[in-house]
Protein backbone atom coordinates (compact mmCIF):
# COMPACT_ATOMS: atom_id res chain seq x y z
CA UNK A 1 -24.94 27.41 2.66
CA UNK A 2 -23.37 26.29 5.91
CA UNK A 3 -24.58 23.67 8.31
CA UNK A 4 -24.20 24.45 12.00
CA UNK A 5 -24.23 21.94 14.81
CA UNK A 6 -23.95 22.74 18.49
CA UNK A 7 -22.20 20.28 20.75
CA UNK A 8 -24.19 20.00 23.96
CA UNK A 9 -21.25 18.87 26.04
CA UNK A 10 -18.78 21.47 24.90
CA UNK A 11 -21.07 24.32 23.89
CA UNK A 12 -19.10 24.73 20.67
CA UNK A 13 -20.38 25.22 17.16
CA UNK A 14 -19.09 23.11 14.29
CA UNK A 15 -19.41 24.65 10.86
CA UNK A 16 -19.36 22.33 7.88
CA UNK A 17 -19.34 23.98 4.51
CA UNK A 18 -20.13 22.50 1.14
CA UNK A 19 -16.50 23.33 0.30
CA UNK A 20 -15.44 20.42 2.53
CA UNK A 21 -17.62 18.06 0.51
CA UNK A 22 -16.47 19.55 -2.80
CA UNK A 23 -12.85 19.03 -1.74
CA UNK A 24 -13.62 15.40 -0.88
CA UNK A 25 -15.18 14.88 -4.31
CA UNK A 26 -12.19 16.52 -6.01
CA UNK A 27 -9.80 14.26 -4.13
CA UNK A 28 -11.80 11.24 -5.22
CA UNK A 29 -11.59 12.32 -8.84
CA UNK A 30 -7.84 12.89 -8.55
CA UNK A 31 -7.34 9.47 -6.99
CA UNK A 32 -6.21 10.70 -3.60
CA UNK A 33 -7.10 8.28 -0.85
CA UNK A 34 -7.54 10.63 2.08
CA UNK A 35 -10.49 12.95 2.23
CA UNK A 36 -10.72 16.11 4.30
CA UNK A 37 -13.03 16.22 7.31
CA UNK A 38 -11.41 13.07 8.76
CA UNK A 39 -13.15 10.59 6.44
CA UNK A 40 -11.27 7.85 4.61
CA UNK A 41 -12.15 7.30 0.96
CA UNK A 42 -12.89 3.72 -0.05
CA UNK A 43 -10.26 2.42 -2.48
CA UNK A 44 -9.70 -0.90 -4.17
CA UNK A 45 -6.46 -2.81 -3.82
CA UNK A 46 -5.67 -1.96 -7.44
CA UNK A 47 -6.20 1.78 -6.86
CA UNK A 48 -4.12 1.73 -3.68
CA UNK A 49 -1.30 -0.18 -5.36
CA UNK A 50 -1.36 2.15 -8.36
CA UNK A 51 -0.93 5.10 -5.99
CA UNK A 52 1.85 3.30 -4.10
CA UNK A 53 3.68 2.39 -7.31
CA UNK A 54 3.50 5.94 -8.66
CA UNK A 55 4.13 7.63 -5.31
CA UNK A 56 7.24 8.89 -3.59
CA UNK A 57 8.35 5.60 -2.01
CA UNK A 58 9.88 4.46 -5.31
CA UNK A 59 10.41 0.87 -6.31
CA UNK A 60 6.96 -0.43 -5.36
CA UNK A 61 5.94 -3.09 -7.85
CA UNK A 62 2.28 -2.67 -8.75
CA UNK A 63 1.90 -6.37 -9.61
CA UNK A 64 3.56 -7.54 -6.38
CA UNK A 65 1.48 -5.10 -4.33
CA UNK A 66 -1.80 -6.32 -5.85
CA UNK A 67 -0.83 -9.99 -5.65
CA UNK A 68 0.34 -9.75 -2.02
CA UNK A 69 -2.69 -7.86 -0.75
CA UNK A 70 -5.31 -9.66 -2.82
CA UNK A 71 -4.02 -13.09 -1.79
CA UNK A 72 -4.44 -12.27 1.90
CA UNK A 73 -7.94 -13.02 3.20
CA UNK A 74 -7.68 -10.05 5.59
CA UNK A 75 -7.79 -7.68 2.60
CA UNK A 76 -11.56 -8.23 2.35
CA UNK A 77 -11.94 -6.14 5.51
CA UNK A 78 -9.57 -3.42 4.30
CA UNK A 79 -11.64 -0.95 2.30
CA UNK A 80 -9.51 2.17 2.58
CA UNK A 81 -5.88 3.15 2.25
CA UNK A 82 -5.33 3.23 6.02
CA UNK A 83 -6.46 -0.37 6.46
CA UNK A 84 -4.54 -1.55 3.40
CA UNK A 85 -1.37 0.13 4.75
CA UNK A 86 -2.03 -1.57 8.08
CA UNK A 87 -2.42 -4.95 6.35
CA UNK A 88 0.77 -4.47 4.31
CA UNK A 89 2.65 -3.60 7.51
CA UNK A 90 1.27 -6.71 9.24
CA UNK A 91 2.39 -8.83 6.29
CA UNK A 92 5.85 -7.21 6.49
CA UNK A 93 5.99 -8.08 10.21
CA UNK A 94 5.08 -11.66 9.33
CA UNK A 95 7.81 -11.77 6.66
CA UNK A 96 10.34 -10.42 9.16
CA UNK A 97 9.32 -13.09 11.68
CA UNK A 98 9.52 -15.84 9.03
CA UNK A 99 12.96 -14.60 8.01
CA UNK A 100 14.06 -14.62 11.66
CA UNK A 101 12.89 -18.22 11.99
CA UNK A 102 14.68 -19.23 8.78
CA UNK A 103 17.91 -17.59 9.97
CA UNK A 104 17.65 -19.32 13.35
CA UNK A 105 17.15 -22.69 11.62
CA UNK A 106 20.12 -22.08 9.33
CA UNK A 107 22.28 -21.01 12.27
CA UNK A 108 21.56 -24.27 14.11
CA UNK A 109 22.88 -26.44 11.28
CA UNK A 110 25.63 -24.19 9.94
CA UNK A 111 29.09 -25.61 10.59
CA UNK A 112 31.20 -22.62 9.58
CA UNK A 113 31.79 -20.17 12.45
CA UNK A 114 32.13 -17.35 9.90
CA UNK A 115 28.75 -18.16 8.31
CA UNK A 116 27.14 -18.52 11.76
CA UNK A 117 28.43 -15.07 12.68
CA UNK A 118 26.90 -13.65 9.50
CA UNK A 119 23.60 -15.36 10.21
CA UNK A 120 23.65 -14.02 13.77
CA UNK A 121 24.21 -10.51 12.42
CA UNK A 122 21.25 -10.91 10.05
CA UNK A 123 19.15 -12.24 12.92
CA UNK A 124 19.92 -9.10 14.95
CA UNK A 125 18.93 -6.94 11.96
CA UNK A 126 15.60 -8.72 11.54
CA UNK A 127 14.87 -8.67 15.28
CA UNK A 128 15.31 -4.90 15.23
CA UNK A 129 13.26 -4.54 12.02
CA UNK A 130 10.38 -6.57 13.46
CA UNK A 131 10.36 -4.35 16.57
CA UNK A 132 10.31 -1.21 14.42
CA UNK A 133 7.50 -2.63 12.29
CA UNK A 134 5.44 -3.43 15.40
CA UNK A 135 5.96 0.15 16.57
CA UNK A 136 4.87 1.31 13.11
CA UNK A 137 1.67 -0.72 13.49
CA UNK A 138 1.00 1.03 16.81
CA UNK A 139 1.52 4.39 15.14
CA UNK A 140 -0.76 3.36 12.26
CA UNK A 141 -3.49 2.66 14.82
CA UNK A 142 -2.88 6.16 16.20
CA UNK A 143 -2.80 7.55 12.64
CA UNK A 144 0.62 9.16 13.09
CA UNK A 145 1.48 8.62 9.44
CA UNK A 146 4.66 10.70 9.25
CA UNK A 147 6.22 8.63 12.06
CA UNK A 148 4.99 5.40 10.43
CA UNK A 149 6.68 6.36 7.15
CA UNK A 150 9.95 7.03 8.98
CA UNK A 151 9.74 3.70 10.79
CA UNK A 152 8.95 1.74 7.63
CA UNK A 153 11.84 3.41 5.80
CA UNK A 154 14.15 2.45 8.67
CA UNK A 155 12.88 -1.15 8.70
CA UNK A 156 13.61 -1.48 4.98
CA UNK A 157 17.32 -1.47 5.75
CA UNK A 158 17.29 -4.96 7.30
CA UNK A 159 17.16 -6.79 3.98
CA UNK A 160 19.87 -4.68 2.37
CA UNK A 161 22.13 -4.85 5.41
CA UNK A 162 21.74 -8.60 5.65
CA UNK A 163 22.61 -8.96 1.97
CA UNK A 164 25.70 -6.77 2.53
CA UNK A 165 26.95 -9.19 5.19
CA UNK A 166 27.19 -11.86 2.49
CA UNK A 167 28.99 -9.74 -0.14
CA UNK A 168 31.60 -11.74 -1.98
CA UNK A 169 29.88 -15.04 -1.28
CA UNK A 170 28.42 -17.14 -4.08
CA UNK A 171 25.41 -18.23 -2.04
CA UNK A 172 23.30 -15.98 0.17
CA UNK A 173 21.20 -18.38 2.26
CA UNK A 174 18.41 -15.92 3.02
CA UNK A 175 18.32 -14.06 -0.30
CA UNK A 176 14.75 -15.04 -1.18
CA UNK A 177 13.51 -14.13 2.30
CA UNK A 178 15.39 -10.81 2.21
CA UNK A 179 13.92 -9.98 -1.17
CA UNK A 180 10.32 -10.79 -0.20
CA UNK A 181 10.57 -8.96 3.13
CA UNK A 182 12.06 -5.90 1.42
CA UNK A 183 9.36 -5.83 -1.25
CA UNK A 184 6.55 -6.08 1.32
CA UNK A 185 8.05 -3.43 3.60
CA UNK A 186 8.32 -1.18 0.52
CA UNK A 187 4.63 -1.78 -0.29
CA UNK A 188 3.72 -0.80 3.29
CA UNK A 189 5.83 2.36 2.96
CA UNK A 190 4.28 3.21 -0.42
CA UNK A 191 0.74 2.85 0.90
CA UNK A 192 1.50 4.83 4.06
CA UNK A 193 3.19 7.57 2.04
CA UNK A 194 -0.08 7.90 0.11
CA UNK A 195 -1.79 8.86 3.36
CA UNK A 196 0.89 11.02 5.00
């Protein structure tokens, strides 16, 4: 049986078949977060993180994903994979900004010109990453998931590149910030990849 609706403004007919609803039910049973017909399937943080950890992004820690999202009060308003990916991206932007601030603070008190140059290089990397992440948020709003995945993958490089600047040194002053930023950007990529 098919349901027909006529759009008064456009004069077109929309046909919705039970097949569309059966496909949505099948996707729910398989644990896929995006339903056909444009509807988002409600998922828990645990379900979303399980998909991200087992998905193609690789390296997403299930425990870190759950802990990061569940500890953020904004997660209460995020009931589907799209909104959880958006939240993870926002958290990644916040981590990038916090890392930028930490690098700026370190640069102000650092006496070694060589270390200051390294910090400045890391600052440039995080400035660029934060810009890319903000663009990714815009594309998430527009639901251009393929582009978002590309942008998140590109933004991941900031932490690694900053760490590379300090190769051979005993102490990497922003190691903890790099690690946390990288893990959160990877969670955002894993969640977005589950939609794309």
